[in-house]
Each structure stands twice: as structure tokens, then as C-alpha cells.
Protein backbone atom coordinates (compact mmCIF):
# COMPACT_ATOMS: atom_id res chain seq x y z
CA MET A 1 -42.14 -0.95 -4.08
CA VAL A 2 -43.97 -3.92 -5.52
CA TRP A 3 -46.59 -5.86 -3.60
CA GLU A 4 -44.26 -8.83 -2.92
CA ASP A 5 -41.62 -6.50 -1.42
CA THR A 6 -44.08 -5.24 1.16
CA ILE A 7 -45.17 -8.72 2.13
CA VAL A 8 -41.49 -9.75 2.51
CA ALA A 9 -40.72 -6.68 4.60
CA LEU A 10 -43.56 -7.35 7.06
CA ASN A 11 -44.10 -11.09 7.06
CA TRP A 12 -40.55 -11.90 8.17
CA ARG A 13 -41.04 -10.04 11.47
CA PHE A 14 -44.75 -9.43 12.08
CA PRO A 15 -47.09 -11.93 10.35
CA ASP A 16 -50.18 -10.30 11.78
CA ARG A 17 -49.25 -6.99 10.15
CA ALA A 18 -48.68 -8.76 6.87
CA ILE A 19 -52.23 -10.16 7.02
CA ALA A 20 -53.59 -6.69 7.67
CA ILE A 21 -51.61 -5.27 4.78
CA ARG A 22 -52.89 -7.94 2.42
CA SER A 23 -56.50 -6.88 3.13
CA THR A 24 -56.52 -3.99 0.70
CA GLN A 25 -54.06 -2.19 -1.53
CA GLN A 26 -55.11 1.08 0.07
CA LYS A 27 -53.88 -0.07 3.45
CA TRP A 28 -50.64 -1.13 1.84
CA LYS A 29 -50.12 2.36 0.39
CA THR A 30 -50.96 3.94 3.75
CA ALA A 31 -48.34 1.79 5.46
CA ILE A 32 -45.69 2.79 2.95
CA MET A 33 -46.47 6.51 3.24
CA SER A 34 -46.11 6.31 7.02
CA ALA A 35 -42.65 4.79 6.83
CA MET A 36 -39.81 5.58 9.18
CA PRO A 37 -37.52 8.43 8.05
CA TYR A 38 -34.80 7.42 5.72
CA ARG A 39 -31.51 8.17 7.36
CA LEU A 40 -29.72 9.27 4.25
CA ASN A 41 -30.20 12.26 2.01
CA LEU A 42 -31.33 10.41 -1.10
CA LEU A 43 -33.47 13.10 -2.66
CA GLN A 44 -31.29 13.24 -5.73
CA PRO A 45 -32.80 13.25 -9.22
CA PHE A 46 -31.40 11.12 -12.01
CA ARG A 47 -32.21 10.86 -15.69
CA GLN A 48 -33.85 7.93 -17.38
CA GLY A 49 -33.65 8.63 -21.08
CA ASN A 50 -35.38 11.94 -21.62
CA LEU A 51 -37.42 11.55 -18.45
CA MET A 52 -36.22 13.22 -15.24
CA THR A 53 -37.09 10.96 -12.31
CA MET A 54 -36.88 11.62 -8.59
CA HIS A 55 -35.63 8.98 -6.17
CA VAL A 56 -38.01 9.38 -3.21
CA PRO A 57 -37.04 7.86 0.13
CA ASP A 58 -39.32 7.21 3.08
CA SER A 59 -40.64 10.52 4.31
CA GLN A 60 -42.53 9.78 7.54
CA SER A 61 -41.78 7.70 10.59
CA SER A 62 -44.08 5.04 11.89
CA PRO A 63 -43.70 2.27 14.44
CA THR A 64 -45.78 0.03 12.17
CA LYS A 65 -43.11 -0.31 9.47
CA VAL A 66 -40.27 -2.67 10.21
CA LEU A 67 -37.49 -2.80 7.66
CA PRO A 68 -35.51 -5.97 6.98
CA THR A 69 -31.88 -6.33 7.99
CA MET A 70 -29.03 -8.27 6.42
CA TYR A 71 -30.43 -11.48 7.89
CA ASP A 72 -33.43 -11.09 5.57
CA LEU A 73 -31.45 -9.81 2.57
CA PRO A 74 -28.47 -12.12 2.06
CA SER A 75 -26.20 -12.10 -0.96
CA GLU A 76 -26.59 -15.75 -1.85
CA ASP A 77 -28.68 -16.19 -4.98
CA PRO A 78 -28.42 -19.46 -6.92
CA GLU A 79 -29.63 -17.70 -10.06
CA GLU A 80 -26.87 -15.09 -9.92
CA PRO A 81 -23.69 -15.85 -11.89
CA GLY A 82 -20.42 -16.06 -10.01
CA LEU A 83 -17.37 -13.89 -10.40
CA PRO A 84 -16.30 -13.35 -14.03
CA ASP A 85 -12.80 -14.78 -13.54
CA GLU A 86 -10.08 -15.48 -11.01
CA TYR A 87 -8.66 -12.00 -11.39
CA HIS A 88 -11.75 -10.45 -9.79
CA ARG A 89 -11.38 -12.70 -6.74
CA TRP A 90 -7.62 -12.30 -6.40
CA GLN A 91 -7.60 -8.53 -6.89
CA ALA A 92 -10.38 -8.09 -4.34
CA GLN A 93 -8.52 -10.32 -1.88
CA LEU A 94 -5.36 -8.25 -2.32
CA LEU A 95 -7.26 -5.02 -1.67
CA CYS A 96 -8.96 -6.45 1.42
CA ASP A 97 -5.80 -7.94 2.90
CA SER A 98 -3.78 -4.73 2.66
CA CYS A 99 -6.40 -2.04 3.32
CA ILE A 100 -5.17 -0.89 6.72
CA PRO A 101 -6.00 2.81 7.28
CA PRO A 102 -3.67 4.13 9.99
CA ASN A 103 -6.34 6.49 11.34
CA TYR A 104 -8.97 3.79 11.99
CA PRO A 105 -8.86 0.81 14.35
CA ARG A 106 -8.85 -2.52 12.55
CA ASP A 107 -12.27 -3.37 13.97
CA ARG A 108 -13.82 -0.18 12.54
CA VAL A 109 -13.05 -0.96 8.90
CA PHE A 110 -15.25 -3.11 6.69
CA SER A 111 -14.46 -4.07 3.12
CA ALA A 112 -16.27 -6.50 0.87
CA SER A 113 -16.24 -7.97 -2.60
CA ASP A 114 -19.26 -9.12 -4.55
CA LEU A 115 -21.46 -8.63 -1.48
CA ASN A 116 -24.95 -7.27 -2.09
CA LEU A 117 -25.32 -3.59 -1.26
CA TYR A 118 -28.99 -2.82 -0.58
CA TYR A 119 -29.65 0.89 -0.96
CA ASP A 120 -33.40 1.57 -1.17
CA SER A 121 -35.88 0.81 1.61
CA ASN A 122 -38.73 1.48 -0.82
CA HIS A 123 -37.48 -1.29 -3.12
CA LEU A 124 -36.18 -4.03 -0.88
CA ASN A 125 -34.97 -6.23 -3.70
CA TRP A 126 -32.91 -3.50 -5.37
CA TYR A 127 -29.21 -3.86 -4.79
CA LYS A 128 -25.85 -3.40 -6.44
CA ARG A 129 -22.88 -5.71 -6.10
CA PRO A 130 -19.63 -3.73 -6.37
CA ASP A 131 -16.51 -5.67 -7.20
CA TRP A 132 -15.02 -4.11 -4.07
CA TYR A 133 -16.10 -1.45 -1.60
CA LEU A 134 -14.91 0.04 1.66
CA VAL A 135 -16.83 1.39 4.64
CA VAL A 136 -15.04 3.04 7.55
CA GLY A 137 -16.41 3.93 10.96
CA VAL A 138 -18.55 0.81 11.23
CA SER A 139 -17.88 -2.41 13.05
CA ARG A 140 -15.96 -5.06 11.14
CA PHE A 141 -18.79 -7.42 12.10
CA TYR A 142 -22.52 -6.85 11.97
CA GLN A 143 -23.62 -5.73 15.43
CA ASP A 144 -20.04 -6.49 16.54
CA ARG A 145 -20.54 -10.24 16.31
CA ASP A 146 -21.73 -11.67 12.98
CA LEU A 147 -20.15 -11.95 9.56
CA ARG A 148 -22.18 -9.89 7.12
CA GLN A 149 -24.43 -11.63 4.63
CA SER A 150 -24.98 -8.31 2.83
CA TYR A 151 -24.65 -4.59 3.52
CA VAL A 152 -28.00 -2.88 4.10
CA ILE A 153 -27.76 0.90 3.97
CA TRP A 154 -30.87 1.73 5.98
CA ASP A 155 -29.77 -0.67 8.71
CA GLU A 156 -26.09 0.33 8.86
CA ALA A 157 -26.66 4.10 8.30
CA VAL A 158 -23.11 4.55 6.95
CA ASN A 159 -22.41 4.74 3.23
CA PRO A 160 -19.31 3.31 1.55
CA LEU A 161 -16.35 5.65 1.16
CA ILE A 162 -14.92 3.85 -1.88
CA ALA A 163 -16.33 1.65 -4.62
CA ILE A 164 -14.17 -0.14 -7.19
CA GLU A 165 -15.22 -1.93 -10.36
CA PHE A 166 -12.97 -4.21 -12.39
CA LEU A 167 -14.06 -3.77 -15.99
CA SER A 168 -15.54 -6.72 -17.83
CA PRO A 169 -16.82 -6.68 -21.40
CA GLY A 170 -20.38 -7.27 -20.25
CA THR A 171 -20.45 -4.50 -17.62
CA GLU A 172 -18.02 -1.89 -18.97
CA ASP A 173 -20.64 0.55 -20.27
CA GLU A 174 -22.60 0.52 -17.03
CA ASP A 175 -19.44 0.75 -14.92
CA LEU A 176 -18.43 3.90 -16.83
CA GLY A 177 -21.87 5.51 -16.64
CA LEU A 178 -22.63 5.10 -20.34
CA THR A 179 -26.00 3.40 -19.84
CA GLU A 180 -29.34 4.74 -18.69
CA SER A 181 -31.96 2.97 -16.62
CA ALA A 182 -35.34 2.18 -18.14
CA PRO A 183 -38.49 3.72 -16.65
CA ASN A 184 -39.75 1.87 -13.58
CA LYS A 185 -36.54 -0.16 -13.45
CA PRO A 186 -33.69 0.02 -10.93
CA PRO A 187 -31.23 2.86 -11.48
CA THR A 188 -27.87 2.05 -13.02
CA LYS A 189 -24.76 1.34 -11.02
CA TRP A 190 -23.37 4.80 -11.80
CA GLN A 191 -26.60 6.47 -10.69
CA VAL A 192 -26.66 4.56 -7.44
CA TYR A 193 -23.02 5.34 -6.61
CA GLU A 194 -23.17 8.98 -7.67
CA ARG A 195 -26.71 10.19 -6.97
CA ILE A 196 -28.19 7.89 -4.34
CA LEU A 197 -25.35 6.65 -2.14
CA GLN A 198 -23.05 9.54 -3.07
CA ILE A 199 -19.93 7.42 -2.65
CA PRO A 200 -17.03 9.94 -2.51
CA TYR A 201 -14.51 7.88 -4.54
CA TYR A 202 -15.23 5.59 -7.44
CA PHE A 203 -12.36 3.71 -9.11
CA VAL A 204 -12.54 1.77 -12.35
CA PHE A 205 -9.71 -0.53 -13.41
CA SER A 206 -9.29 -2.42 -16.67
CA LYS A 207 -7.03 -5.45 -16.57
CA TYR A 208 -7.09 -5.45 -20.38
CA ASN A 209 -5.17 -2.20 -20.83
CA ASN A 210 -4.07 -1.68 -17.18
CA GLN A 211 -5.84 1.67 -17.06
CA LEU A 212 -6.91 3.01 -13.68
CA ARG A 213 -9.50 5.79 -13.64
CA VAL A 214 -10.73 7.59 -10.55
CA PHE A 215 -13.89 9.64 -10.15
CA ARG A 216 -14.36 11.91 -7.18
CA LEU A 217 -17.73 13.21 -6.04
CA ILE A 218 -17.63 16.99 -6.31
CA GLY A 219 -20.95 18.58 -5.57
CA ASN A 220 -23.48 16.10 -6.90
CA ARG A 221 -21.44 14.72 -9.77
CA TYR A 222 -18.45 12.50 -10.36
CA ARG A 223 -15.45 14.33 -11.83
CA GLU A 224 -12.55 12.33 -13.23
CA GLN A 225 -9.26 13.02 -11.45
CA LEU A 226 -5.67 12.99 -12.61
CA LEU A 227 -3.37 10.38 -11.12
CA THR A 228 0.01 11.35 -9.69
CA GLY A 229 2.57 8.64 -10.35
CA SER A 230 -0.17 6.10 -11.05
CA ARG A 231 -1.59 6.71 -7.58
CA PHE A 232 -4.42 8.67 -6.00
CA TRP A 233 -4.34 9.99 -2.43
CA ILE A 234 -7.42 9.48 -0.24
CA PRO A 235 -7.07 11.73 2.83
CA GLU A 236 -10.00 10.18 4.71
CA ILE A 237 -8.03 6.95 5.20
CA GLN A 238 -4.50 8.35 4.78
CA LEU A 239 -3.73 5.91 1.99
CA SER A 240 -3.14 6.06 -1.74
CA LEU A 241 -4.54 3.61 -4.25
CA GLY A 242 -2.34 2.91 -7.24
CA LEU A 243 -0.71 0.38 -9.52
CA TRP A 244 2.01 -2.07 -8.53
CA GLU A 245 3.83 -4.55 -10.72
CA GLY A 246 4.70 -7.75 -8.97
CA ALA A 247 3.66 -11.28 -8.09
CA PHE A 248 0.57 -12.04 -6.03
CA LEU A 249 -0.36 -15.69 -5.55
CA GLN A 250 2.50 -16.43 -7.96
CA ASN A 251 0.88 -14.37 -10.72
CA GLU A 252 3.01 -11.56 -12.14
CA ARG A 253 1.09 -8.55 -13.46
CA LEU A 254 -0.09 -5.05 -12.58
CA TRP A 255 -2.24 -5.03 -9.45
CA LEU A 256 -4.13 -2.37 -7.54
CA ARG A 257 -2.34 -1.78 -4.24
CA TRP A 258 -2.48 0.53 -1.23
CA TYR A 259 0.41 2.87 -0.36
CA ASP A 260 1.05 4.76 2.87
CA ILE A 261 1.73 8.48 3.24
CA ASN A 262 5.45 7.91 2.56
CA GLY A 263 4.77 6.02 -0.65
CA ASN A 264 5.58 2.64 0.87
CA LEU A 265 3.58 -0.39 -0.16
CA VAL A 266 1.11 -1.55 2.48
CA LEU A 267 1.88 -5.22 2.92
CA THR A 268 -0.59 -8.05 3.19
CA PRO A 269 -0.29 -10.21 6.33
CA GLU A 270 1.43 -12.89 4.23
CA GLU A 271 3.89 -10.36 2.78
CA PHE A 272 4.51 -8.92 6.24
CA GLU A 273 5.22 -12.37 7.66
CA ARG A 274 7.48 -13.19 4.72
CA GLN A 275 9.34 -9.92 5.18
CA ARG A 276 9.58 -10.52 8.93
CA ALA A 277 10.99 -14.00 8.28
CA GLN A 278 13.50 -12.55 5.80
CA LEU A 279 14.58 -9.90 8.31
CA GLU A 280 14.86 -12.54 11.01
CA SER A 281 16.95 -14.71 8.68
CA GLN A 282 19.13 -11.73 7.80
CA ARG A 283 19.51 -10.88 11.49
CA ALA A 284 20.48 -14.48 12.28
CA GLU A 285 22.98 -14.49 9.41
CA PHE A 286 24.42 -11.17 10.60
CA GLU A 287 24.78 -12.52 14.13
CA ARG A 288 26.43 -15.68 12.74
CA GLN A 289 28.89 -13.57 10.76
CA GLN A 290 29.55 -11.37 13.79
CA ALA A 291 30.23 -14.42 15.93
CA GLN A 292 32.59 -15.75 13.25
CA ILE A 293 34.41 -12.40 13.12
CA GLU A 294 34.72 -12.38 16.90
CA ARG A 295 36.11 -15.93 16.83
CA GLN A 296 38.60 -14.91 14.15
CA GLN A 297 39.58 -11.88 16.20
CA ALA A 298 40.00 -14.03 19.30
CA GLU A 299 42.13 -16.51 17.34
CA SER A 300 44.19 -13.67 15.91
CA GLU A 301 44.70 -12.27 19.41
CA ARG A 302 45.71 -15.72 20.69
CA GLN A 303 48.19 -16.12 17.84
CA ARG A 304 49.62 -12.64 18.49
CA ALA A 305 50.03 -13.43 22.18
CA GLU A 306 51.69 -16.74 21.33
CA SER A 307 54.04 -14.98 18.93
CA GLU A 308 54.93 -12.44 21.63
CA ARG A 309 55.57 -15.23 24.11
CA GLN A 310 57.82 -17.06 21.67
CA ARG A 311 59.73 -13.87 20.85
CA ALA A 312 60.24 -13.16 24.55
CA ASN A 313 61.51 -16.71 25.16
CA GLN A 314 63.93 -16.44 22.26
CA LEU A 315 65.27 -13.16 23.61
CA ALA A 316 65.63 -14.64 27.07
CA ASP A 317 67.57 -17.60 25.65
CA ARG A 318 70.00 -15.28 23.85
CA LEU A 319 70.55 -13.28 27.01
CA ARG A 320 71.32 -16.42 28.99
CA ALA A 321 73.74 -17.51 26.26
CA MET A 322 75.51 -14.20 26.83
CA GLY A 323 75.69 -14.91 30.59
CA ILE A 324 72.93 -12.46 31.43
CA ASN A 325 70.07 -13.53 33.65
CA PRO A 326 66.93 -12.04 32.00
CA ASP A 327 65.02 -12.32 35.29
CA GLU A 328 67.39 -9.78 36.85
CA LEU A 329 66.86 -7.15 34.17
């Protein structure tokens, strides 16, 4: 952790502690070494070139160290570039809108796109920004009330279950784990997902060749998995993630979509409402046709009865012409 990180971590909450920390660098080091226990098992080594480095979390608890929350570590950064293109935004929206695990209440599922993911309490300014990620078993809202400004691992204490990256020319190598971090620099995206956060499922999708690749954490390493019918089953949320060709926001292409256990597409709220309206229209049309059939049947019955009445009258007239009273028969 650099000196500025420590000042940020303390000054936001306890200015008097920040002044004490500024007194000497030795006190600063003492404060860091007496940190509260890190709630995740992050003692995973990763390679930086030919140098094997160890990611060391906080090891001791202390009431004197107060870690920042999402309020102090927002995602907004005017110097950060925005999303690469509209596809990133639309694809993430589609994933968010239709990610409805049947085994979790709606308010215990959190998904985000391009939202800072802070993962190291020793380096408060280190974060990754997945194109999309999913966390289950946490409140949809921070502390059940606020929209999240970021996702802070040491504050939330629950790691993402899924991370997804949409390949771009500038990030493809890092997304696929082909880059290595420099000494004394933040670890790469792959290292953070695999070694530090140990995210169980990591998906990579290229809109350029429509290739979906999935990596599953087995042991301490990601192993690429085979797709079955362009889909991959995730038992923890009882959903599959796979490819779907169709129109979303009037754009026809291959999209990443969720499927249920029966292989049915999980609909977005808009699709569900559209389907409901179609079914309602079909039901109304069916009822209209049924009413028309019933009217036709009633008219047919009326005509049959009228024909019977006319036939009976004609017979009665013939009988009378023969001198026979039909009422006496």
C-alpha cells in the first residue's frame, strides 16, 4: 500500500488517526501490520515474469484500522474511458435483465457491468472492472437500501460467482490471461479472477467471431470447458449461459442469453410483457372466434327449428286438404 492509500483509508473516517499516522513512516507500517483479518483466503501466489510473488492480505485484527466502503471507493472516474462500444452496454443490459436464478430470491442477486470491483484492502486503489459479473447471496442493494457505487470485496465478504469479458482488441490478451503483471504493479485481470478472487466461472465472448469460451476454476486454476449445444450449465444458479440468435433493441445478431433447466430462454421483462400481450391478444381472438362459432351454431339451430316448423305446417295443410284434422292425430 502506498502512503496516499493509507491517508485515504484513515482520513475519510478518523482524521485524528490520520494525523497520528502521518507522524512517522514507522507508525504507518505498524498500523498496516495490525490490520483486521482479511475475510477471504487470498494467500495465492501468482507469477510476474520469472518472479514468483505472494499476494499477502491483512493478517492481524485491530480496532485502529478502518477500511473504506463503497461510499469512499466509487466507480466514477473522469479520467477513465467509457465503454468501448454500444455492444458492451447492450449485451450487459441483456444479461442483467434476464438473469433470474430460480433458486435465489430476486433481492438476493446482484449483477453489474463496468462497476469497479475492489479486491485488495492492502491496495485500496486497486480494482478491476469486469464487463459483467454476478454475485448471489447478497442484497440487491448495498445494506438493503442504496444503489452500489462499486463492489468492495472486504466490505461485502462475498465474491462474484461469474465474471464475463467481451473481447476488445485492446484488452483481448489480458482477458485471455496472455499478459503478465510487472513487479510492484497490480496483478492482471486473469490473476485477480483466478488466484485472488477465485471466481468459479469466467466467460469470454468475442463479438468478432461469435466465439464463447468458458473457464471453470478447478483447484487453483482455470480449465477451459467444452460447451454443449453452445451452452454451459451453471448448477449454482440453475441456469445455462449460451448463444442466441435474435433481435435485441432491434439489433439482429448472436447474443449471450440465459436458459432454464428445460432449455427455455429466460425472458427479459420487456420480452415477458410482449409475450404476455401476445398471449392475451391470442386469447381474446380465440374468445372472439368462439363467440362467432356459437352465434353461427345458434343461427343454424334457429334455421333448423324454422325449417322443422315450416315442414310441420306443410304436412298439417296437406292433412287438412285430405279432410283429416292434424290436431286429432
